[in-house]
C-alpha cells in the first residue's frame, strides 16, 4: 500500500431550467438548421436547457447539500411568487472563444437573474464555488460552430414558461453528454 487515499467519486452537476416539449422541439429545429448552415454539432433535443448555476465536478457525498440548497431556493421563490417564470428567447448569439451558437434574452429578466442569484447564494453558503463568469441566460444550440450561424430572426421570439428547476448530473460520452435529473422542484401553485 502506498499510503495514499483514493479520491472520492465525483459528479459533474448544474442547476437548470428545462423547456417543455413544444419549446424543446422548436429549439431543436433551430439547432439543426444552424448546424446545417455552418457545421458543428447541434445539441440534441433531450439536452437543451438553460443553466442557472454550474458547479462542475463535486464529490458525490456533497449532493445532499446541493439538493438542500435547491429545496431552500424553491421555497423562497414560491414565497416571492416568482413562478411560473415567463420570459422570451429573442436573441441569437455566438461565442467565438468556445465556438458556441446560442439563443438567449436580449433584455435582462429580473426574475431569472434573481433565481440564478438565489441559487448562487444558497450553494455558496454550503461551501460550493460557482464559475466566476457573469450569468448570461442562454440555451446552447450548436457546439463546435466554426463561425456564427445566420440569425433566423423570423423564428423569434420563443416564449418560455418555467414552472420548475432541476439539479442535473452530466455524464460525458463519445457523442456528447447525457443528463440525469438528481432532483426537481416543481413550484407552480405551491404557495
N, C-alpha and C. Protein backbone atom coordinates (compact mmCIF):
# COMPACT_ATOMS: atom_id res chain seq x y z
N UNK A 1 0.83 -1.20 0.00
CA UNK A 1 0.00 0.00 0.00
C UNK A 1 0.87 1.24 0.00
N UNK A 2 0.47 2.23 -0.73
CA UNK A 2 1.27 3.43 -0.87
C UNK A 2 0.96 4.46 0.22
N UNK A 3 -0.10 4.27 0.97
CA UNK A 3 -0.46 5.22 2.00
C UNK A 3 -1.35 6.33 1.48
N UNK A 4 -1.60 6.38 0.17
CA UNK A 4 -2.46 7.40 -0.40
C UNK A 4 -3.91 6.93 -0.34
N UNK A 5 -4.78 7.86 -0.05
CA UNK A 5 -6.20 7.52 -0.04
C UNK A 5 -6.78 7.79 -1.42
N UNK A 6 -7.75 6.98 -1.77
CA UNK A 6 -8.41 7.16 -3.07
C UNK A 6 -9.24 8.44 -3.03
N UNK A 7 -9.23 9.17 -4.13
CA UNK A 7 -10.04 10.39 -4.17
C UNK A 7 -11.51 9.99 -4.28
N UNK A 8 -12.39 10.82 -3.70
CA UNK A 8 -13.80 10.47 -3.71
C UNK A 8 -14.37 10.52 -5.13
N UNK A 9 -15.40 9.69 -5.36
CA UNK A 9 -16.08 9.71 -6.64
C UNK A 9 -16.76 11.06 -6.81
N UNK A 10 -16.76 11.56 -8.04
CA UNK A 10 -17.25 12.91 -8.30
C UNK A 10 -18.38 12.88 -9.31
N UNK A 11 -19.16 13.94 -9.31
CA UNK A 11 -20.25 14.11 -10.27
C UNK A 11 -20.18 15.52 -10.83
N UNK A 12 -20.41 15.68 -12.12
CA UNK A 12 -20.45 16.99 -12.79
C UNK A 12 -21.90 17.45 -12.75
N UNK A 13 -22.18 18.54 -12.02
CA UNK A 13 -23.57 18.91 -11.76
C UNK A 13 -23.85 20.39 -12.05
N UNK A 14 -25.13 20.68 -12.26
CA UNK A 14 -25.59 22.04 -12.50
C UNK A 14 -27.09 22.13 -12.23
N UNK A 15 -27.55 23.35 -11.92
CA UNK A 15 -28.97 23.64 -11.80
C UNK A 15 -29.42 24.24 -13.13
N UNK A 16 -30.63 23.89 -13.57
CA UNK A 16 -31.09 24.39 -14.87
C UNK A 16 -32.61 24.43 -14.96
N UNK A 17 -33.06 25.20 -15.94
CA UNK A 17 -34.45 25.16 -16.37
C UNK A 17 -34.50 24.24 -17.58
N UNK A 18 -35.56 23.44 -17.66
CA UNK A 18 -35.75 22.52 -18.77
C UNK A 18 -36.97 22.95 -19.55
N UNK A 19 -36.89 23.06 -20.87
CA UNK A 19 -38.05 23.52 -21.65
C UNK A 19 -39.12 22.43 -21.73
N UNK A 20 -40.36 22.87 -21.81
CA UNK A 20 -41.44 21.91 -22.04
C UNK A 20 -41.32 21.39 -23.48
N UNK A 21 -42.04 20.33 -23.80
CA UNK A 21 -41.83 19.57 -25.04
C UNK A 21 -41.93 20.42 -26.31
N UNK A 22 -42.95 21.25 -26.43
CA UNK A 22 -43.12 22.03 -27.66
C UNK A 22 -41.97 23.01 -27.87
N UNK A 23 -41.53 23.66 -26.81
CA UNK A 23 -40.40 24.59 -26.91
C UNK A 23 -39.13 23.82 -27.24
N UNK A 24 -38.93 22.67 -26.63
CA UNK A 24 -37.74 21.85 -26.92
C UNK A 24 -37.69 21.47 -28.39
N UNK A 25 -38.83 21.16 -28.98
CA UNK A 25 -38.89 20.82 -30.41
C UNK A 25 -38.47 22.01 -31.27
N UNK A 26 -38.97 23.18 -30.94
CA UNK A 26 -38.62 24.38 -31.71
C UNK A 26 -37.13 24.70 -31.57
N UNK A 27 -36.60 24.58 -30.35
CA UNK A 27 -35.18 24.82 -30.13
C UNK A 27 -34.33 23.81 -30.90
N UNK A 28 -34.74 22.55 -30.90
CA UNK A 28 -34.00 21.51 -31.61
C UNK A 28 -34.00 21.78 -33.11
N UNK A 29 -35.12 22.25 -33.65
CA UNK A 29 -35.18 22.57 -35.08
C UNK A 29 -34.24 23.73 -35.42
N UNK A 30 -34.19 24.74 -34.54
CA UNK A 30 -33.25 25.85 -34.75
C UNK A 30 -31.81 25.36 -34.70
N UNK A 31 -31.51 24.49 -33.74
CA UNK A 31 -30.15 23.95 -33.61
C UNK A 31 -29.75 23.19 -34.86
N UNK A 32 -30.64 22.36 -35.38
CA UNK A 32 -30.36 21.59 -36.59
C UNK A 32 -30.13 22.51 -37.79
N UNK A 33 -30.97 23.54 -37.91
CA UNK A 33 -30.83 24.48 -39.03
C UNK A 33 -29.51 25.23 -38.94
N UNK A 34 -29.13 25.66 -37.75
CA UNK A 34 -27.87 26.40 -37.60
C UNK A 34 -26.67 25.50 -37.89
N UNK A 35 -26.69 24.27 -37.39
CA UNK A 35 -25.58 23.35 -37.63
C UNK A 35 -25.49 23.01 -39.12
N UNK A 36 -26.63 22.86 -39.78
CA UNK A 36 -26.62 22.57 -41.21
C UNK A 36 -26.03 23.74 -42.00
N UNK A 37 -26.23 24.95 -41.51
CA UNK A 37 -25.74 26.14 -42.22
C UNK A 37 -24.24 26.34 -42.09
N UNK A 38 -23.67 26.04 -40.92
CA UNK A 38 -22.25 26.36 -40.71
C UNK A 38 -21.39 25.20 -40.25
N UNK A 39 -22.00 24.08 -39.91
CA UNK A 39 -21.24 22.97 -39.36
C UNK A 39 -21.32 22.99 -37.85
N UNK A 40 -20.58 22.11 -37.23
CA UNK A 40 -20.66 21.98 -35.78
C UNK A 40 -21.64 20.89 -35.40
N UNK A 41 -21.89 20.76 -34.12
CA UNK A 41 -22.77 19.70 -33.61
C UNK A 41 -23.99 20.33 -32.96
N UNK A 42 -25.15 20.08 -33.56
CA UNK A 42 -26.41 20.57 -32.98
C UNK A 42 -26.66 19.84 -31.67
N UNK A 43 -27.13 20.57 -30.69
CA UNK A 43 -27.49 19.95 -29.42
C UNK A 43 -28.72 19.07 -29.64
N UNK A 44 -28.72 17.92 -29.02
CA UNK A 44 -29.86 17.01 -29.11
C UNK A 44 -31.04 17.59 -28.33
N UNK A 45 -32.22 17.32 -28.80
CA UNK A 45 -33.44 17.84 -28.18
C UNK A 45 -33.46 17.58 -26.68
N UNK A 46 -33.07 16.38 -26.27
CA UNK A 46 -33.15 16.00 -24.85
C UNK A 46 -32.07 16.63 -23.98
N UNK A 47 -31.15 17.39 -24.58
CA UNK A 47 -30.10 18.04 -23.80
C UNK A 47 -30.26 19.56 -23.74
N UNK A 48 -31.24 20.11 -24.41
CA UNK A 48 -31.44 21.56 -24.44
C UNK A 48 -31.94 22.05 -23.09
N UNK A 49 -31.26 23.04 -22.54
CA UNK A 49 -31.60 23.56 -21.21
C UNK A 49 -31.02 24.96 -21.04
N UNK A 50 -31.43 25.63 -19.98
CA UNK A 50 -30.88 26.93 -19.62
C UNK A 50 -30.22 26.77 -18.26
N UNK A 51 -28.89 26.84 -18.23
CA UNK A 51 -28.15 26.65 -16.98
C UNK A 51 -28.34 27.86 -16.07
N UNK A 52 -28.69 27.60 -14.82
CA UNK A 52 -28.83 28.65 -13.80
C UNK A 52 -27.59 28.76 -12.94
N UNK A 53 -26.96 27.63 -12.65
CA UNK A 53 -25.76 27.61 -11.80
C UNK A 53 -24.97 26.36 -12.13
N UNK A 54 -23.73 26.54 -12.61
CA UNK A 54 -22.88 25.41 -12.96
C UNK A 54 -21.86 25.21 -11.84
N UNK A 55 -21.84 24.00 -11.28
CA UNK A 55 -20.92 23.70 -10.18
C UNK A 55 -19.71 22.89 -10.62
N UNK A 56 -19.80 22.20 -11.74
CA UNK A 56 -18.70 21.37 -12.19
C UNK A 56 -18.63 20.08 -11.40
N UNK A 57 -17.42 19.55 -11.23
CA UNK A 57 -17.22 18.27 -10.54
C UNK A 57 -17.22 18.47 -9.03
N UNK A 58 -18.13 17.77 -8.37
CA UNK A 58 -18.21 17.83 -6.91
C UNK A 58 -18.21 16.40 -6.38
N UNK A 59 -17.73 16.18 -5.14
CA UNK A 59 -17.78 14.85 -4.55
C UNK A 59 -19.23 14.37 -4.42
N UNK A 60 -19.46 13.10 -4.71
CA UNK A 60 -20.82 12.54 -4.63
C UNK A 60 -21.47 12.76 -3.27
N UNK A 61 -20.67 12.70 -2.21
CA UNK A 61 -21.26 12.83 -0.88
C UNK A 61 -21.79 14.23 -0.60
N UNK A 62 -21.47 15.19 -1.46
CA UNK A 62 -21.98 16.56 -1.25
C UNK A 62 -23.31 16.82 -1.96
N UNK A 63 -23.80 15.86 -2.72
CA UNK A 63 -25.05 16.07 -3.46
C UNK A 63 -26.24 16.38 -2.55
N UNK A 64 -26.37 15.76 -1.37
CA UNK A 64 -27.49 16.13 -0.50
C UNK A 64 -27.47 17.62 -0.11
N UNK A 65 -26.30 18.20 0.07
CA UNK A 65 -26.23 19.63 0.40
C UNK A 65 -26.73 20.48 -0.77
N UNK A 66 -26.45 20.06 -2.00
CA UNK A 66 -26.95 20.78 -3.17
C UNK A 66 -28.46 20.64 -3.30
N UNK A 67 -28.97 19.46 -2.99
CA UNK A 67 -30.42 19.26 -3.02
C UNK A 67 -31.10 20.11 -1.95
N UNK A 68 -30.46 20.22 -0.80
CA UNK A 68 -30.98 21.09 0.26
C UNK A 68 -31.01 22.55 -0.20
N UNK A 69 -29.96 22.98 -0.90
CA UNK A 69 -29.92 24.35 -1.43
C UNK A 69 -31.05 24.56 -2.42
N UNK A 70 -31.27 23.60 -3.31
CA UNK A 70 -32.36 23.70 -4.28
C UNK A 70 -33.72 23.78 -3.62
N UNK A 71 -33.91 22.98 -2.58
CA UNK A 71 -35.18 22.99 -1.85
C UNK A 71 -35.42 24.35 -1.19
N UNK A 72 -34.38 24.89 -0.58
CA UNK A 72 -34.47 26.20 0.06
C UNK A 72 -34.84 27.28 -0.96
N UNK A 73 -34.17 27.27 -2.10
CA UNK A 73 -34.44 28.28 -3.13
C UNK A 73 -35.86 28.11 -3.67
N UNK A 74 -36.30 26.90 -3.88
CA UNK A 74 -37.67 26.68 -4.37
C UNK A 74 -38.69 27.26 -3.40
N UNK A 75 -38.49 27.05 -2.11
CA UNK A 75 -39.40 27.63 -1.10
C UNK A 75 -39.38 29.15 -1.17
N UNK A 76 -38.19 29.73 -1.30
CA UNK A 76 -38.07 31.19 -1.39
C UNK A 76 -38.79 31.72 -2.62
N UNK A 77 -38.63 31.05 -3.74
CA UNK A 77 -39.23 31.51 -4.99
C UNK A 77 -40.75 31.45 -4.92
N UNK A 78 -41.28 30.42 -4.27
CA UNK A 78 -42.74 30.33 -4.09
C UNK A 78 -43.22 31.48 -3.22
N UNK A 79 -42.49 31.73 -2.14
CA UNK A 79 -42.88 32.81 -1.23
C UNK A 79 -42.88 34.17 -1.94
N UNK A 80 -41.98 34.34 -2.89
CA UNK A 80 -41.90 35.61 -3.61
C UNK A 80 -42.68 35.59 -4.93
N UNK A 81 -43.44 34.53 -5.15
CA UNK A 81 -44.31 34.41 -6.33
C UNK A 81 -43.55 34.58 -7.64
N UNK A 82 -42.36 33.99 -7.72
CA UNK A 82 -41.54 34.08 -8.93
C UNK A 82 -42.07 33.15 -10.03
N UNK A 83 -42.57 31.99 -9.63
CA UNK A 83 -43.03 31.01 -10.60
C UNK A 83 -44.54 31.13 -10.78
N UNK A 84 -45.07 30.84 -11.96
CA UNK A 84 -44.30 30.47 -13.12
C UNK A 84 -43.47 31.64 -13.62
N UNK A 85 -42.29 31.32 -14.09
CA UNK A 85 -41.34 32.31 -14.58
C UNK A 85 -41.49 32.37 -16.10
N UNK A 86 -41.85 33.54 -16.62
CA UNK A 86 -42.08 33.68 -18.06
C UNK A 86 -41.09 34.67 -18.65
N UNK A 87 -40.51 34.29 -19.78
CA UNK A 87 -39.56 35.15 -20.47
C UNK A 87 -39.48 34.74 -21.93
N UNK A 88 -38.81 35.56 -22.73
CA UNK A 88 -38.66 35.29 -24.16
C UNK A 88 -37.21 35.07 -24.52
N UNK A 89 -36.98 34.09 -25.37
CA UNK A 89 -35.70 33.91 -26.03
C UNK A 89 -35.82 34.69 -27.33
N UNK A 90 -35.11 35.82 -27.42
CA UNK A 90 -35.35 36.74 -28.52
C UNK A 90 -34.07 37.24 -29.18
N UNK A 91 -32.97 36.50 -28.99
CA UNK A 91 -31.68 36.99 -29.47
C UNK A 91 -30.75 35.80 -29.73
N UNK A 92 -30.15 35.77 -30.91
CA UNK A 92 -29.13 34.76 -31.21
C UNK A 92 -27.76 35.32 -30.87
N UNK A 93 -26.88 34.45 -30.41
CA UNK A 93 -25.52 34.86 -30.08
C UNK A 93 -24.51 33.80 -30.48
N UNK A 94 -23.26 34.21 -30.47
CA UNK A 94 -22.15 33.30 -30.81
C UNK A 94 -20.94 33.70 -29.99
N UNK A 95 -20.38 32.72 -29.29
CA UNK A 95 -19.15 32.95 -28.54
C UNK A 95 -18.00 32.31 -29.32
N UNK A 96 -17.18 33.16 -29.92
CA UNK A 96 -16.09 32.68 -30.77
C UNK A 96 -15.06 31.90 -29.96
N UNK A 97 -14.79 32.31 -28.71
CA UNK A 97 -13.72 31.67 -27.93
C UNK A 97 -13.99 30.18 -27.67
N UNK A 98 -15.26 29.78 -27.59
CA UNK A 98 -15.53 28.35 -27.40
C UNK A 98 -16.45 27.78 -28.48
N UNK A 99 -16.67 28.55 -29.54
CA UNK A 99 -17.40 28.09 -30.73
C UNK A 99 -18.81 27.59 -30.41
N UNK A 100 -19.53 28.39 -29.61
CA UNK A 100 -20.90 28.05 -29.25
C UNK A 100 -21.87 29.02 -29.88
N UNK A 101 -22.89 28.48 -30.54
CA UNK A 101 -24.01 29.28 -31.03
C UNK A 101 -25.15 29.07 -30.03
N UNK A 102 -25.82 30.16 -29.69
CA UNK A 102 -26.83 30.08 -28.64
C UNK A 102 -27.99 31.02 -28.91
N UNK A 103 -29.04 30.85 -28.11
CA UNK A 103 -30.20 31.73 -28.13
C UNK A 103 -30.43 32.18 -26.70
N UNK A 104 -30.76 33.45 -26.53
CA UNK A 104 -30.94 33.96 -25.17
C UNK A 104 -31.87 35.14 -25.12
N UNK A 105 -31.74 35.89 -24.04
CA UNK A 105 -32.61 37.03 -23.77
C UNK A 105 -31.84 38.33 -24.04
N UNK A 106 -32.37 39.13 -24.94
CA UNK A 106 -31.73 40.41 -25.26
C UNK A 106 -31.78 41.35 -24.04
N UNK A 107 -32.91 41.37 -23.36
CA UNK A 107 -33.11 42.24 -22.20
C UNK A 107 -33.05 41.39 -20.93
N UNK A 108 -32.32 41.81 -19.91
CA UNK A 108 -32.27 41.04 -18.67
C UNK A 108 -33.67 40.82 -18.08
N UNK A 109 -33.88 39.62 -17.57
CA UNK A 109 -35.15 39.25 -16.94
C UNK A 109 -34.87 39.19 -15.44
N UNK A 110 -35.42 40.15 -14.70
CA UNK A 110 -35.10 40.27 -13.27
C UNK A 110 -35.36 38.98 -12.51
N UNK A 111 -36.49 38.34 -12.75
CA UNK A 111 -36.83 37.12 -12.00
C UNK A 111 -35.86 35.98 -12.34
N UNK A 112 -35.43 35.90 -13.58
CA UNK A 112 -34.49 34.86 -13.98
C UNK A 112 -33.13 35.09 -13.33
N UNK A 113 -32.68 36.33 -13.35
CA UNK A 113 -31.41 36.66 -12.67
C UNK A 113 -31.55 36.46 -11.16
N UNK A 114 -32.72 36.77 -10.62
CA UNK A 114 -32.94 36.57 -9.19
C UNK A 114 -32.85 35.11 -8.80
N UNK A 115 -33.41 34.23 -9.63
CA UNK A 115 -33.34 32.80 -9.36
C UNK A 115 -31.89 32.33 -9.40
N UNK A 116 -31.15 32.75 -10.43
CA UNK A 116 -29.73 32.37 -10.53
C UNK A 116 -28.94 32.89 -9.33
N UNK A 117 -29.22 34.14 -8.93
CA UNK A 117 -28.53 34.72 -7.76
C UNK A 117 -28.87 33.96 -6.48
N UNK A 118 -30.14 33.58 -6.32
CA UNK A 118 -30.56 32.84 -5.12
C UNK A 118 -29.86 31.49 -5.06
N UNK A 119 -29.75 30.81 -6.20
CA UNK A 119 -29.04 29.52 -6.22
C UNK A 119 -27.56 29.72 -5.91
N UNK A 120 -26.95 30.76 -6.48
CA UNK A 120 -25.53 31.03 -6.20
C UNK A 120 -25.31 31.27 -4.72
N UNK A 121 -26.19 32.04 -4.10
CA UNK A 121 -26.06 32.32 -2.67
C UNK A 121 -26.24 31.05 -1.84
N UNK A 122 -27.25 30.25 -2.18
CA UNK A 122 -27.54 29.04 -1.40
C UNK A 122 -26.41 28.02 -1.49
N UNK A 123 -25.84 27.84 -2.68
CA UNK A 123 -24.74 26.88 -2.78
C UNK A 123 -23.46 27.46 -2.18
N UNK A 124 -23.29 28.77 -2.29
CA UNK A 124 -22.13 29.42 -1.67
C UNK A 124 -22.14 29.26 -0.16
N UNK A 125 -23.33 29.38 0.45
CA UNK A 125 -23.45 29.21 1.90
C UNK A 125 -23.09 27.79 2.33
N UNK A 126 -23.14 26.85 1.40
CA UNK A 126 -22.81 25.46 1.70
C UNK A 126 -21.40 25.10 1.26
N UNK A 127 -20.62 26.12 0.90
CA UNK A 127 -19.20 25.91 0.61
C UNK A 127 -18.87 25.58 -0.83
N UNK A 128 -19.81 25.73 -1.74
CA UNK A 128 -19.55 25.44 -3.14
C UNK A 128 -19.20 26.73 -3.88
N UNK A 129 -18.35 26.60 -4.87
CA UNK A 129 -17.97 27.76 -5.69
C UNK A 129 -18.52 27.57 -7.09
N UNK A 130 -19.10 28.63 -7.62
CA UNK A 130 -19.59 28.62 -9.00
C UNK A 130 -18.53 29.23 -9.91
N UNK A 131 -18.74 29.06 -11.22
CA UNK A 131 -17.87 29.72 -12.17
C UNK A 131 -17.90 31.22 -11.91
N UNK A 132 -16.80 31.90 -12.19
CA UNK A 132 -16.73 33.33 -11.89
C UNK A 132 -17.35 34.20 -12.98
N UNK A 133 -17.67 33.63 -14.13
CA UNK A 133 -18.22 34.47 -15.20
C UNK A 133 -19.65 34.89 -14.89
N UNK A 134 -20.08 36.03 -15.41
CA UNK A 134 -21.43 36.52 -15.13
C UNK A 134 -22.49 35.61 -15.74
N UNK A 135 -23.66 35.61 -15.13
CA UNK A 135 -24.79 34.83 -15.60
C UNK A 135 -25.35 35.45 -16.88
N UNK A 136 -25.35 34.68 -17.95
CA UNK A 136 -25.94 35.09 -19.23
C UNK A 136 -26.98 34.03 -19.57
N UNK A 137 -28.27 34.33 -19.39
CA UNK A 137 -29.28 33.31 -19.66
C UNK A 137 -29.29 32.95 -21.15
N UNK A 138 -29.01 31.68 -21.44
CA UNK A 138 -28.94 31.23 -22.83
C UNK A 138 -29.16 29.73 -22.92
N UNK A 139 -29.49 29.29 -24.10
CA UNK A 139 -29.59 27.87 -24.43
C UNK A 139 -28.58 27.62 -25.55
N UNK A 140 -27.62 26.74 -25.32
CA UNK A 140 -26.65 26.40 -26.36
C UNK A 140 -27.37 25.60 -27.44
N UNK A 141 -27.22 26.05 -28.68
CA UNK A 141 -27.84 25.35 -29.82
C UNK A 141 -26.83 24.50 -30.58
N UNK A 142 -25.61 25.04 -30.81
CA UNK A 142 -24.60 24.33 -31.60
C UNK A 142 -23.25 24.43 -30.91
N UNK A 143 -22.60 23.30 -30.76
CA UNK A 143 -21.23 23.25 -30.25
C UNK A 143 -20.28 23.08 -31.44
N UNK A 144 -19.06 23.57 -31.28
CA UNK A 144 -18.03 23.48 -32.31
C UNK A 144 -18.46 24.15 -33.62
N UNK A 145 -19.22 25.23 -33.51
CA UNK A 145 -19.60 26.00 -34.70
C UNK A 145 -18.39 26.82 -35.14
N UNK A 146 -17.89 26.63 -36.35
CA UNK A 146 -16.67 27.34 -36.77
C UNK A 146 -16.86 28.85 -36.94
N UNK A 147 -18.07 29.26 -37.26
CA UNK A 147 -18.42 30.67 -37.41
C UNK A 147 -19.82 30.87 -36.86
N UNK A 148 -20.21 32.12 -36.71
CA UNK A 148 -21.57 32.42 -36.24
C UNK A 148 -22.58 31.99 -37.28
N UNK A 149 -23.58 31.21 -36.89
CA UNK A 149 -24.63 30.83 -37.84
C UNK A 149 -25.47 32.04 -38.23
N UNK A 150 -26.15 31.96 -39.36
CA UNK A 150 -27.04 33.06 -39.73
C UNK A 150 -28.17 33.15 -38.71
N UNK A 151 -28.55 34.37 -38.38
CA UNK A 151 -29.63 34.59 -37.41
C UNK A 151 -30.97 34.45 -38.12
N UNK A 152 -31.81 33.62 -37.59
CA UNK A 152 -33.15 33.45 -38.15
C UNK A 152 -34.12 34.23 -37.29
N UNK A 153 -34.04 35.54 -37.38
CA UNK A 153 -34.85 36.42 -36.54
C UNK A 153 -36.35 36.18 -36.72
N UNK A 154 -36.75 35.67 -37.90
CA UNK A 154 -38.17 35.41 -38.12
C UNK A 154 -38.69 34.29 -37.21
N UNK A 155 -37.79 33.50 -36.66
CA UNK A 155 -38.19 32.42 -35.77
C UNK A 155 -38.42 32.91 -34.34
N UNK A 156 -38.12 34.18 -34.08
CA UNK A 156 -38.17 34.71 -32.72
C UNK A 156 -39.37 35.62 -32.52
N UNK A 157 -39.81 35.82 -31.32
CA UNK A 157 -39.28 35.25 -30.08
C UNK A 157 -39.88 33.88 -29.78
N UNK A 158 -39.19 33.14 -28.93
CA UNK A 158 -39.69 31.89 -28.39
C UNK A 158 -40.05 32.15 -26.93
N UNK A 159 -41.25 31.83 -26.55
CA UNK A 159 -41.71 32.08 -25.18
C UNK A 159 -41.45 30.86 -24.30
N UNK A 160 -40.96 31.12 -23.09
CA UNK A 160 -40.66 30.05 -22.13
C UNK A 160 -41.45 30.33 -20.87
N UNK A 161 -42.18 29.34 -20.44
CA UNK A 161 -42.92 29.41 -19.18
C UNK A 161 -42.38 28.30 -18.29
N UNK A 162 -41.51 28.67 -17.36
CA UNK A 162 -40.86 27.69 -16.48
C UNK A 162 -41.68 27.53 -15.21
N UNK A 163 -41.97 26.30 -14.88
CA UNK A 163 -42.72 26.01 -13.66
C UNK A 163 -41.89 25.22 -12.66
N UNK A 164 -40.64 24.96 -13.00
CA UNK A 164 -39.76 24.24 -12.08
C UNK A 164 -38.31 24.44 -12.49
N UNK A 165 -37.41 23.97 -11.65
CA UNK A 165 -35.99 23.92 -11.99
C UNK A 165 -35.44 22.62 -11.44
N UNK A 166 -34.25 22.24 -11.89
CA UNK A 166 -33.72 20.92 -11.55
C UNK A 166 -32.22 20.99 -11.26
N UNK A 167 -31.78 19.98 -10.51
CA UNK A 167 -30.36 19.71 -10.30
C UNK A 167 -30.04 18.52 -11.18
N UNK A 168 -29.05 18.68 -12.05
CA UNK A 168 -28.73 17.64 -13.03
C UNK A 168 -27.28 17.20 -12.94
N UNK A 169 -27.07 15.96 -13.33
CA UNK A 169 -25.72 15.42 -13.43
C UNK A 169 -25.42 15.18 -14.90
N UNK A 170 -24.27 15.64 -15.34
CA UNK A 170 -23.83 15.45 -16.71
C UNK A 170 -22.87 14.27 -16.76
N UNK A 171 -23.15 13.36 -17.69
CA UNK A 171 -22.26 12.22 -17.93
C UNK A 171 -21.80 12.30 -19.38
N UNK A 172 -20.51 12.49 -19.56
CA UNK A 172 -19.96 12.63 -20.91
C UNK A 172 -19.79 11.27 -21.56
N UNK A 173 -19.99 11.26 -22.88
CA UNK A 173 -19.74 10.07 -23.69
C UNK A 173 -19.27 10.53 -25.07
N UNK A 174 -18.95 9.60 -25.93
CA UNK A 174 -18.36 9.94 -27.23
C UNK A 174 -19.23 10.90 -28.04
N UNK A 175 -20.55 10.79 -27.94
CA UNK A 175 -21.44 11.63 -28.73
C UNK A 175 -21.80 12.95 -28.07
N UNK A 176 -21.26 13.26 -26.91
CA UNK A 176 -21.58 14.50 -26.21
C UNK A 176 -21.79 14.26 -24.73
N UNK A 177 -23.02 14.47 -24.28
CA UNK A 177 -23.33 14.30 -22.86
C UNK A 177 -24.77 13.84 -22.71
N UNK A 178 -25.02 13.13 -21.64
CA UNK A 178 -26.37 12.75 -21.25
C UNK A 178 -26.59 13.32 -19.86
N UNK A 179 -27.82 13.73 -19.59
CA UNK A 179 -28.12 14.37 -18.31
C UNK A 179 -29.08 13.51 -17.50
N UNK A 180 -28.77 13.40 -16.23
CA UNK A 180 -29.60 12.66 -15.27
C UNK A 180 -30.17 13.67 -14.27
N UNK A 181 -31.47 13.65 -14.09
CA UNK A 181 -32.10 14.54 -13.12
C UNK A 181 -31.90 13.96 -11.72
N UNK A 182 -31.23 14.72 -10.87
CA UNK A 182 -31.00 14.29 -9.49
C UNK A 182 -32.12 14.77 -8.57
N UNK A 183 -32.67 15.93 -8.85
CA UNK A 183 -33.79 16.48 -8.07
C UNK A 183 -34.48 17.52 -8.93
N UNK A 184 -35.78 17.66 -8.71
CA UNK A 184 -36.57 18.64 -9.46
C UNK A 184 -37.52 19.30 -8.48
N UNK A 185 -37.65 20.59 -8.64
CA UNK A 185 -38.52 21.35 -7.74
C UNK A 185 -39.64 22.01 -8.53
N UNK A 186 -40.79 21.31 -8.63
CA UNK A 186 -41.95 21.94 -9.27
C UNK A 186 -42.56 22.91 -8.27
N UNK A 187 -42.63 24.15 -8.64
CA UNK A 187 -43.09 25.13 -7.66
C UNK A 187 -44.34 25.89 -8.09
N UNK A 188 -44.84 25.59 -9.28
CA UNK A 188 -46.04 26.29 -9.71
C UNK A 188 -47.20 25.92 -8.80
N UNK A 189 -47.89 26.91 -8.30
CA UNK A 189 -49.07 26.67 -7.47
C UNK A 189 -48.78 26.10 -6.10
N UNK A 190 -47.52 26.18 -5.65
CA UNK A 190 -47.17 25.60 -4.36
C UNK A 190 -47.31 26.55 -3.21
N UNK A 191 -47.63 27.82 -3.50
CA UNK A 191 -47.64 28.82 -2.43
C UNK A 191 -48.71 28.58 -1.40
